[in-house]
Protein backbone atom coordinates (compact mmCIF):
# COMPACT_ATOMS: atom_id res chain seq x y z
CA MET A 1 -23.20 19.50 26.53
CA THR A 2 -22.17 20.66 22.84
CA LYS A 3 -22.02 18.23 20.11
CA LYS A 4 -17.99 18.73 20.42
CA GLY A 5 -17.79 18.26 24.04
CA GLN A 6 -19.95 14.95 23.54
CA ALA A 7 -17.52 14.28 20.56
CA LEU A 8 -14.81 15.00 22.92
CA SER A 9 -15.85 12.80 26.00
CA VAL A 10 -16.57 10.00 23.70
CA LEU A 11 -12.87 9.96 22.17
CA ILE A 12 -11.60 10.46 25.55
CA VAL A 13 -13.47 7.49 27.43
CA SER A 14 -13.67 5.26 24.50
CA THR A 15 -10.21 5.61 24.70
CA LEU A 16 -9.64 4.83 27.98
CA ALA A 17 -11.82 2.06 27.75
CA PHE A 18 -9.93 0.66 24.27
CA THR A 19 -6.62 0.35 26.79
CA VAL A 20 -8.24 -1.59 29.29
CA CYS A 21 -9.06 -3.72 27.28
CA PHE A 22 -6.47 -4.47 25.22
CA MET A 23 -4.17 -4.42 29.01
CA VAL A 24 -6.60 -7.49 29.64
CA TRP A 25 -5.97 -9.01 25.99
CA MET A 26 -2.26 -9.19 25.88
CA MET A 27 -2.31 -10.76 29.59
CA PHE A 28 -0.58 -14.14 28.98
CA GLY A 29 2.19 -12.04 27.01
CA VAL A 30 2.95 -11.68 30.98
CA ILE A 31 1.51 -14.30 33.28
CA GLY A 32 2.00 -17.04 30.85
CA ILE A 33 5.79 -16.92 31.76
CA PRO A 34 5.45 -18.21 35.17
CA ILE A 35 2.18 -20.27 33.81
CA LYS A 36 4.56 -21.92 31.00
CA LYS A 37 7.25 -22.80 34.50
CA THR A 38 4.60 -24.18 36.69
CA LEU A 39 3.07 -26.46 33.43
CA GLY A 40 6.20 -27.41 31.49
CA LEU A 41 5.29 -26.11 28.70
CA ASN A 42 7.01 -26.16 25.42
CA ALA A 43 7.51 -23.12 22.99
CA THR A 44 4.50 -23.83 20.74
CA GLU A 45 2.27 -24.94 23.54
CA PHE A 46 3.32 -21.80 24.83
CA GLY A 47 2.74 -19.46 21.48
CA LEU A 48 -1.33 -21.29 21.62
CA LEU A 49 -1.60 -20.24 25.31
CA THR A 50 -0.46 -16.68 24.77
CA ALA A 51 -2.93 -16.58 21.50
CA THR A 52 -6.09 -18.29 22.68
CA PRO A 53 -7.66 -14.78 23.95
CA VAL A 54 -6.43 -13.86 20.61
CA LEU A 55 -8.64 -15.76 18.49
CA THR A 56 -11.99 -15.27 20.03
CA GLY A 57 -11.23 -11.13 20.19
CA SER A 58 -10.69 -11.38 16.19
CA LEU A 59 -13.36 -13.59 15.21
CA ILE A 60 -15.90 -11.37 17.40
CA ARG A 61 -14.80 -8.21 15.40
CA VAL A 62 -17.32 -8.88 12.38
CA PRO A 63 -20.23 -9.20 14.42
CA LEU A 64 -19.25 -6.73 17.24
CA GLY A 65 -19.05 -4.13 13.93
CA ILE A 66 -22.04 -4.74 12.75
CA TRP A 67 -23.93 -4.30 15.98
CA THR A 68 -22.43 -1.05 16.31
CA ASP A 69 -23.63 0.19 12.87
CA LYS A 70 -27.45 -1.26 13.77
CA TYR A 71 -27.50 -0.43 17.98
CA GLY A 72 -24.96 2.27 18.71
CA GLY A 73 -21.41 1.96 19.79
CA ARG A 74 -22.32 3.14 23.39
CA ILE A 75 -24.45 -0.22 24.56
CA VAL A 76 -22.37 -2.79 22.60
CA MET A 77 -19.25 -1.71 23.95
CA ALA A 78 -21.12 -1.85 27.88
CA LEU A 79 -22.11 -4.93 27.24
CA LEU A 80 -19.13 -6.39 25.71
CA MET A 81 -16.83 -5.14 28.78
CA ALA A 82 -19.20 -6.06 31.25
CA ALA A 83 -19.13 -9.93 29.55
CA THR A 84 -15.30 -10.31 30.62
CA VAL A 85 -15.29 -9.71 33.82
CA PRO A 86 -16.51 -13.14 35.36
CA ALA A 87 -13.83 -14.69 33.00
CA ILE A 88 -10.92 -12.43 33.86
CA TRP A 89 -11.68 -13.11 37.53
CA LEU A 90 -11.86 -16.95 37.26
CA MET A 91 -8.48 -16.91 35.59
CA SER A 92 -6.88 -17.13 38.75
CA TYR A 93 -8.43 -20.28 39.70
CA ALA A 94 -7.43 -21.95 36.53
CA THR A 95 -4.57 -25.09 37.65
CA ALA A 96 -4.88 -27.20 34.24
CA TYR A 97 -3.54 -26.02 30.94
CA TRP A 98 -6.99 -27.09 29.33
CA HIS A 99 -8.64 -24.48 32.00
CA PHE A 100 -6.26 -21.41 30.58
CA LEU A 101 -7.13 -22.15 27.07
CA VAL A 102 -10.64 -22.38 27.78
CA ILE A 103 -11.25 -19.45 30.10
CA GLY A 104 -8.81 -17.61 27.49
CA LEU A 105 -11.31 -17.95 24.85
CA PHE A 106 -13.88 -15.52 26.93
CA VAL A 107 -11.29 -13.48 28.46
CA GLY A 108 -10.23 -12.69 24.80
CA LEU A 109 -13.52 -11.05 24.15
CA ALA A 110 -12.51 -8.00 25.57
CA GLY A 111 -9.96 -7.97 21.85
CA GLY A 112 -13.32 -7.14 20.11
CA SER A 113 -13.51 -3.76 21.25
CA PHE A 114 -11.49 -2.09 18.43
CA SER A 115 -14.26 -2.46 15.95
CA VAL A 116 -16.81 -1.59 18.63
CA GLY A 117 -15.30 1.46 19.11
CA THR A 118 -13.63 2.56 15.71
CA PRO A 119 -16.79 3.30 14.15
CA TYR A 120 -18.48 4.17 17.09
CA VAL A 121 -16.01 7.24 17.33
CA ALA A 122 -15.65 8.30 13.89
CA ARG A 123 -18.83 9.29 13.10
CA TRP A 124 -18.64 12.01 15.70
CA PHE A 125 -16.45 13.86 13.96
CA PRO A 126 -16.06 15.51 10.32
CA LYS A 127 -14.06 13.09 7.25
CA GLY A 128 -11.04 15.81 7.67
CA GLN A 129 -10.36 14.54 11.02
CA GLN A 130 -12.01 10.89 11.26
CA GLY A 131 -8.25 9.71 10.92
CA PHE A 132 -6.73 11.36 13.52
CA ALA A 133 -9.54 10.65 16.07
CA MET A 134 -9.66 6.90 15.20
CA GLY A 135 -6.00 7.64 15.49
CA ILE A 136 -6.02 8.11 19.19
CA TYR A 137 -9.05 5.60 19.88
CA GLY A 138 -6.24 3.10 18.27
CA ALA A 139 -3.79 4.54 20.82
CA GLY A 140 -5.65 2.23 23.23
CA ASN A 141 -3.62 -0.35 21.93
CA SER A 142 -0.63 0.97 24.37
CA GLY A 143 -2.51 -1.29 27.22
CA ALA A 144 -0.07 -4.05 25.69
CA ALA A 145 2.69 -1.55 27.47
CA VAL A 146 0.76 -1.14 30.55
CA ASN A 147 0.33 -4.58 31.07
CA LYS A 148 4.08 -4.90 31.18
CA PHE A 149 4.37 -2.26 33.64
CA VAL A 150 1.84 -3.61 35.91
CA ALA A 151 1.59 -7.28 35.80
CA PRO A 152 5.14 -7.90 36.09
CA ALA A 153 4.73 -5.63 39.30
CA LEU A 154 2.05 -8.19 40.77
CA VAL A 155 3.75 -10.99 40.08
CA VAL A 156 6.85 -10.40 41.58
CA ALA A 157 5.32 -9.15 44.57
CA PHE A 158 2.57 -11.54 45.01
CA GLY A 159 2.16 -14.12 42.62
CA TRP A 160 0.67 -13.69 38.83
CA THR A 161 -3.23 -15.09 40.63
CA LEU A 162 -3.37 -11.52 41.77
CA VAL A 163 -2.96 -10.25 38.23
CA PRO A 164 -6.32 -11.64 37.07
CA GLN A 165 -8.25 -10.27 40.19
CA VAL A 166 -6.53 -6.80 39.98
CA TYR A 167 -8.14 -6.63 36.22
CA ALA A 168 -11.38 -7.88 36.49
CA GLY A 169 -11.96 -4.76 39.13
CA ILE A 170 -10.30 -2.23 36.85
CA MET A 171 -12.33 -3.54 34.07
CA LEU A 172 -15.66 -3.36 35.83
CA GLY A 173 -14.95 -0.09 37.18
CA THR A 174 -14.10 0.74 33.33
CA VAL A 175 -17.60 -0.40 32.94
CA VAL A 176 -19.01 2.36 34.66
CA LEU A 177 -16.60 5.27 33.68
CA PHE A 178 -17.46 4.42 30.23
CA TRP A 179 -21.31 4.43 30.65
CA PHE A 180 -21.84 7.91 32.45
CA PHE A 181 -19.41 9.83 30.46
CA SER A 182 -20.48 8.23 26.60
CA HIS A 183 -22.95 9.22 24.40
CA SER A 184 -25.53 7.93 22.12
CA ASP A 185 -26.44 9.57 18.50
CA PRO A 186 -29.27 8.07 16.59
CA ALA A 187 -28.44 9.62 13.32
CA HIS A 188 -25.19 7.93 13.89
CA LEU A 189 -27.50 4.35 13.45
CA VAL A 190 -26.97 2.84 10.08
CA PRO A 191 -30.19 0.48 9.40
CA SER A 192 -29.16 -2.94 8.47
CA HIS A 193 -30.85 -6.78 7.98
CA THR A 194 -27.24 -7.96 6.75
CA LYS A 195 -26.07 -11.28 8.28
CA PHE A 196 -22.62 -11.96 9.29
CA SER A 197 -22.28 -14.21 6.22
CA ASP A 198 -23.10 -11.70 4.18
CA GLN A 199 -21.07 -9.17 5.43
CA LEU A 200 -18.02 -11.86 4.55
CA LYS A 201 -18.55 -11.41 0.73
CA SER A 202 -16.88 -7.99 1.12
CA LEU A 203 -14.02 -10.19 1.20
CA LYS A 204 -14.92 -10.63 -2.55
CA ASP A 205 -13.85 -6.62 -3.23
CA PRO A 206 -9.92 -6.69 -4.24
CA LYS A 207 -8.95 -3.83 -1.98
CA VAL A 208 -10.71 -5.20 1.43
CA LEU A 209 -8.07 -8.42 0.93
CA LYS A 210 -4.89 -6.02 0.62
CA TYR A 211 -6.00 -3.94 3.29
CA CYS A 212 -6.86 -7.10 5.01
CA GLN A 213 -2.98 -8.54 4.40
CA TYR A 214 -1.57 -4.94 5.17
CA TYR A 215 -3.34 -4.80 8.99
CA SER A 216 -2.01 -8.53 9.64
CA ILE A 217 1.45 -7.22 10.00
CA VAL A 218 0.73 -4.15 11.10
CA PHE A 219 -1.58 -5.32 13.64
CA GLY A 220 -1.50 -8.77 13.77
CA GLY A 221 2.29 -8.34 14.10
CA TYR A 222 2.43 -5.64 16.38
CA VAL A 223 -0.02 -8.22 18.90
CA ALA A 224 2.30 -11.51 18.57
CA LEU A 225 5.21 -9.36 18.92
CA SER A 226 3.99 -7.68 22.17
CA LEU A 227 2.79 -10.76 23.55
CA TRP A 228 6.19 -12.72 22.47
CA MET A 229 8.60 -10.16 23.19
CA VAL A 230 9.06 -10.65 27.02
CA GLN A 231 9.70 -14.29 27.22
CA TYR A 232 12.03 -13.53 24.32
CA TYR A 233 14.40 -10.90 26.07
CA VAL A 234 14.37 -13.74 29.66
CA GLY A 235 15.62 -16.26 26.88
CA GLU A 236 17.66 -14.43 24.74
CA PHE A 237 19.55 -12.22 26.83
CA GLY A 238 18.66 -13.49 30.19
CA LEU A 239 17.42 -10.50 31.61
CA ASP A 240 14.73 -11.51 34.89
CA ILE A 241 10.90 -11.08 34.13
CA ARG A 242 11.01 -6.78 35.56
CA ALA A 243 13.39 -6.14 33.52
CA ALA A 244 12.19 -7.78 30.32
CA ALA A 245 9.12 -6.78 30.48
CA LEU A 246 10.74 -2.64 31.23
CA LEU A 247 12.35 -3.29 27.56
CA ALA A 248 9.45 -5.02 26.01
CA ALA A 249 7.58 -2.01 26.41
CA CYS A 250 9.80 -0.22 24.37
CA PHE A 251 7.75 -1.60 21.41
CA SER A 252 4.58 -2.53 22.60
CA LEU A 253 4.49 1.49 24.21
CA PRO A 254 5.26 3.70 20.93
CA GLY A 255 3.48 1.25 18.75
CA GLY A 256 -0.24 2.22 20.39
CA VAL A 257 0.59 5.63 21.43
CA LEU A 258 1.95 7.10 18.13
CA ARG A 259 -1.13 5.50 16.09
CA ALA A 260 -2.78 9.20 16.85
CA VAL A 261 0.40 10.82 15.13
CA GLY A 262 -0.36 7.80 12.50
CA GLY A 263 -3.90 9.31 12.08
CA TRP A 264 -2.48 12.91 11.51
CA MET A 265 -0.33 11.85 9.00
CA SER A 266 -2.61 9.90 6.64
CA ASP A 267 -5.39 12.54 7.22
CA LYS A 268 -2.35 14.97 5.94
CA TRP A 269 -0.35 12.88 3.07
CA GLY A 270 -2.42 9.87 2.75
CA ALA A 271 -2.87 6.58 3.27
CA HIS A 272 -1.22 5.13 0.45
CA SER A 273 1.97 6.97 1.40
CA VAL A 274 2.33 6.43 4.96
CA THR A 275 1.79 2.59 4.52
CA TRP A 276 4.15 2.20 1.68
CA TRP A 277 6.42 4.20 3.62
CA VAL A 278 5.44 1.87 6.93
CA LEU A 279 6.54 -1.17 4.98
CA TRP A 280 10.09 -0.07 3.76
CA VAL A 281 10.77 0.55 7.19
CA SER A 282 9.72 -2.66 8.97
CA TRP A 283 11.51 -4.17 6.25
CA VAL A 284 14.45 -3.21 7.22
CA CYS A 285 14.02 -3.52 10.96
CA LEU A 286 12.94 -7.23 10.62
CA PHE A 287 16.02 -7.96 8.21
CA LEU A 288 18.36 -7.21 10.47
CA LEU A 289 16.22 -8.71 13.41
CA SER A 290 16.33 -11.83 11.75
CA TYR A 291 19.90 -12.57 11.88
CA PRO A 292 20.36 -14.97 14.82
CA GLN A 293 23.37 -14.97 17.50
CA PHE A 294 26.06 -16.38 15.28
CA ASP A 295 30.25 -17.07 15.25
CA PHE A 296 32.23 -17.66 12.19
CA THR A 297 36.19 -18.62 11.94
CA VAL A 298 38.26 -17.23 9.10
CA ALA A 299 41.33 -18.66 7.74
CA THR A 300 44.00 -16.01 8.11
CA VAL A 301 47.94 -15.46 7.48
CA ASN A 302 48.36 -15.90 11.59
CA GLY A 303 45.68 -18.50 11.69
CA PRO A 304 42.09 -19.33 12.11
CA LYS A 305 40.09 -16.04 13.92
CA THR A 306 36.94 -16.40 14.91
CA PHE A 307 34.09 -13.38 15.01
CA HIS A 308 30.79 -13.00 16.52
CA ILE A 309 27.87 -11.48 14.75
CA GLY A 310 24.58 -10.61 16.26
CA LEU A 311 22.79 -7.90 18.22
CA ASN A 312 23.02 -6.77 21.77
CA VAL A 313 20.20 -6.25 24.05
CA TYR A 314 20.89 -2.10 23.35
CA LEU A 315 20.62 -2.64 19.34
CA PHE A 316 17.76 -5.03 19.82
CA THR A 317 15.50 -2.48 21.63
CA ALA A 318 16.03 0.13 19.56
CA LEU A 319 15.23 -2.00 16.27
CA MET A 320 12.06 -3.10 18.19
CA PHE A 321 11.57 0.66 18.90
CA VAL A 322 11.65 1.73 15.62
CA LEU A 323 9.14 -1.10 14.57
CA GLY A 324 6.75 -0.18 17.17
CA ILE A 325 6.74 3.10 15.42
CA ALA A 326 6.18 1.98 12.18
CA PHE A 327 3.25 -0.12 13.38
CA ALA A 328 1.73 2.31 15.44
CA PHE A 329 1.58 4.50 11.94
CA GLY A 330 0.59 1.65 9.68
CA LYS A 331 -2.18 0.51 12.23
CA ALA A 332 -3.48 3.97 11.31
CA SER A 333 -2.86 4.62 7.39
CA VAL A 334 -4.48 1.13 7.10
CA PHE A 335 -7.98 2.14 8.64
CA LYS A 336 -7.57 5.74 6.70
CA TYR A 337 -8.03 3.67 3.93
CA ILE A 338 -11.08 2.26 4.79
CA SER A 339 -12.42 5.44 6.02
CA ASP A 340 -11.97 7.15 3.01
CA ASP A 341 -13.15 3.90 0.34
CA TYR A 342 -16.02 3.13 3.07
CA PRO A 343 -17.46 6.09 4.55
CA SER A 344 -20.91 4.70 4.89
CA ASN A 345 -19.71 1.02 5.77
CA ILE A 346 -16.64 1.62 8.39
CA GLY A 347 -18.02 -0.51 11.19
CA THR A 348 -18.75 -3.82 9.21
CA ILE A 349 -15.27 -3.32 6.66
CA SER A 350 -13.44 -2.41 9.75
CA GLY A 351 -14.66 -5.35 11.39
CA ILE A 352 -13.51 -7.63 8.77
CA VAL A 353 -9.99 -5.53 8.51
CA GLY A 354 -9.80 -6.36 12.14
CA LEU A 355 -10.41 -9.54 12.08
CA ALA A 356 -7.76 -10.31 9.44
CA GLY A 357 -5.40 -8.42 12.06
CA GLY A 358 -6.53 -10.61 15.02
CA LEU A 359 -6.05 -13.80 13.13
CA GLY A 360 -2.78 -12.59 12.24
CA GLY A 361 -2.02 -12.29 15.94
CA PHE A 362 -3.21 -15.44 16.85
CA VAL A 363 -1.59 -17.39 13.97
CA LEU A 364 1.84 -15.73 14.29
CA PRO A 365 2.66 -16.25 18.26
CA ILE A 366 2.00 -20.32 17.24
CA MET A 367 4.12 -20.52 14.54
CA PHE A 368 7.01 -18.31 16.52
CA GLY A 369 7.08 -21.24 19.26
CA ALA A 370 6.41 -24.06 16.41
CA LEU A 371 9.27 -22.66 14.46
CA MET A 372 11.87 -22.35 17.15
CA ASP A 373 10.94 -25.74 18.64
CA LEU A 374 12.03 -26.74 14.87
CA THR A 375 15.05 -24.86 14.63
CA GLY A 376 15.90 -23.99 18.14
CA ILE A 377 16.39 -20.42 16.13
CA ARG A 378 14.62 -17.83 18.77
CA SER A 379 15.07 -15.33 15.68
CA SER A 380 12.89 -17.33 13.16
CA ALA A 381 9.95 -15.15 14.69
CA PHE A 382 11.20 -12.15 12.90
CA MET A 383 12.57 -14.10 9.91
CA LEU A 384 8.72 -15.11 9.46
CA MET A 385 7.36 -11.63 9.94
CA TYR A 386 10.16 -10.34 7.22
CA GLY A 387 8.39 -12.38 4.54
CA VAL A 388 4.69 -10.99 5.17
CA VAL A 389 6.06 -7.79 4.45
CA TRP A 390 7.42 -8.95 1.57
CA VAL A 391 3.96 -9.86 0.49
CA SER A 392 2.36 -6.69 1.33
CA LEU A 393 5.48 -4.72 -0.49
CA ILE A 394 5.09 -6.56 -3.54
CA TRP A 395 1.07 -6.32 -3.35
CA MET A 396 0.95 -2.75 -2.87
CA PHE A 397 3.22 -2.29 -5.65
CA TRP A 398 1.80 -4.56 -8.54
CA THR A 399 -1.77 -2.56 -7.17
CA GLU A 400 -0.95 0.86 -6.22
CA VAL A 401 2.60 2.05 -7.13
CA ARG A 402 3.21 0.11 -10.72
CA GLY A 403 0.71 2.63 -12.36
CA ARG A 404 1.20 5.80 -10.89
CA GLU A 405 2.47 8.71 -12.31
CA LEU A 406 5.89 9.55 -9.97
CA MET A 407 7.49 12.44 -12.16
CA GLY A 408 5.76 15.29 -14.05
CA HIS A 409 2.86 17.65 -13.75
CA ASN A 410 0.29 14.88 -13.59
CA ALA A 411 2.02 12.74 -10.37
CA LYS A 412 0.24 13.20 -7.24
CA PRO A 413 2.12 13.55 -3.67
CA PHE A 414 3.45 10.56 -2.81
CA ALA A 415 6.85 10.83 -0.44
CA LEU A 416 6.51 12.48 3.26
């Protein structure tokens, strides 16, 4: 097989593997609903339940990025997926809350696959195509949407306990496919004696910190909302789990699949321009989504008149669809920053930025639940994310936009 053929094969099979890993990683977003009902969990406990796999999937990203640079993506990815199979299967036998939390930590290892596949895939392509290649691989985020199609059908037909068993079988089959259709290239290995603690020193770089902040919203927010939206639809609009999952997929599907388009846009117009507009679109969507359902009374000449303001399910879903597209583009553009600024250290830097994004996906669902228990307002989740986007916009303005010449002969292309 030619080098180009090997690169294409690696891209296809790696994207498939990442899709399955993400599907497993987001499993609690659906099966957590019947588990919540069975165990009588409050919103905060439900947030912790859904977020637990995200924690280990995030913390493991930095060492996985280092090992990928050192040993190669093929062996690291195969071993990582194989290691999750027993834990996924055992999930169906859990009965107590702490069982789910402990097993969820091991299932969460699947989420670390992003930091393996990103440098593994990128090194098979020339610099001008890396954004697009990483975007295609990152489209495996659509596993969150696949989970919303597969898991509800299994839950309704057979009960939630069958979902982990089916997912364990799918993961095992994916390991076999990946091993037979992926390839290794010794030229892609980066000799490294750097320790985990040494890699964290990269956090002293202001640019790395900034990319961590960006990614905490475009990826962390995507993960958190993918986990939260099914139960949000059930509680806010009174839908059953199948209808709720279908509408929630209107956010998760474009948020994953269109990442490849974001990679192409970043190659063409640059990471800065794409990220800037992504943050502004997200800001507008989250502002509108933040408004709770409320009534107010006005004293008119004909007496008191009451008005209702709030998003119906159609407008809500439309805004979530647009937000999913924006997050998809943003996830790709942040990693284009990394491939441009750290070409010889993609694995470790992507691991650190991925860690920050994953921790965002871990913390946000817990905060969503805590805010809901505290305020009783479901849309408080969007209020929180609106504030996080404000931080990113201000940071980008002061570090990237403020000193730019926007007009004249020396102005760089900025708008799409």
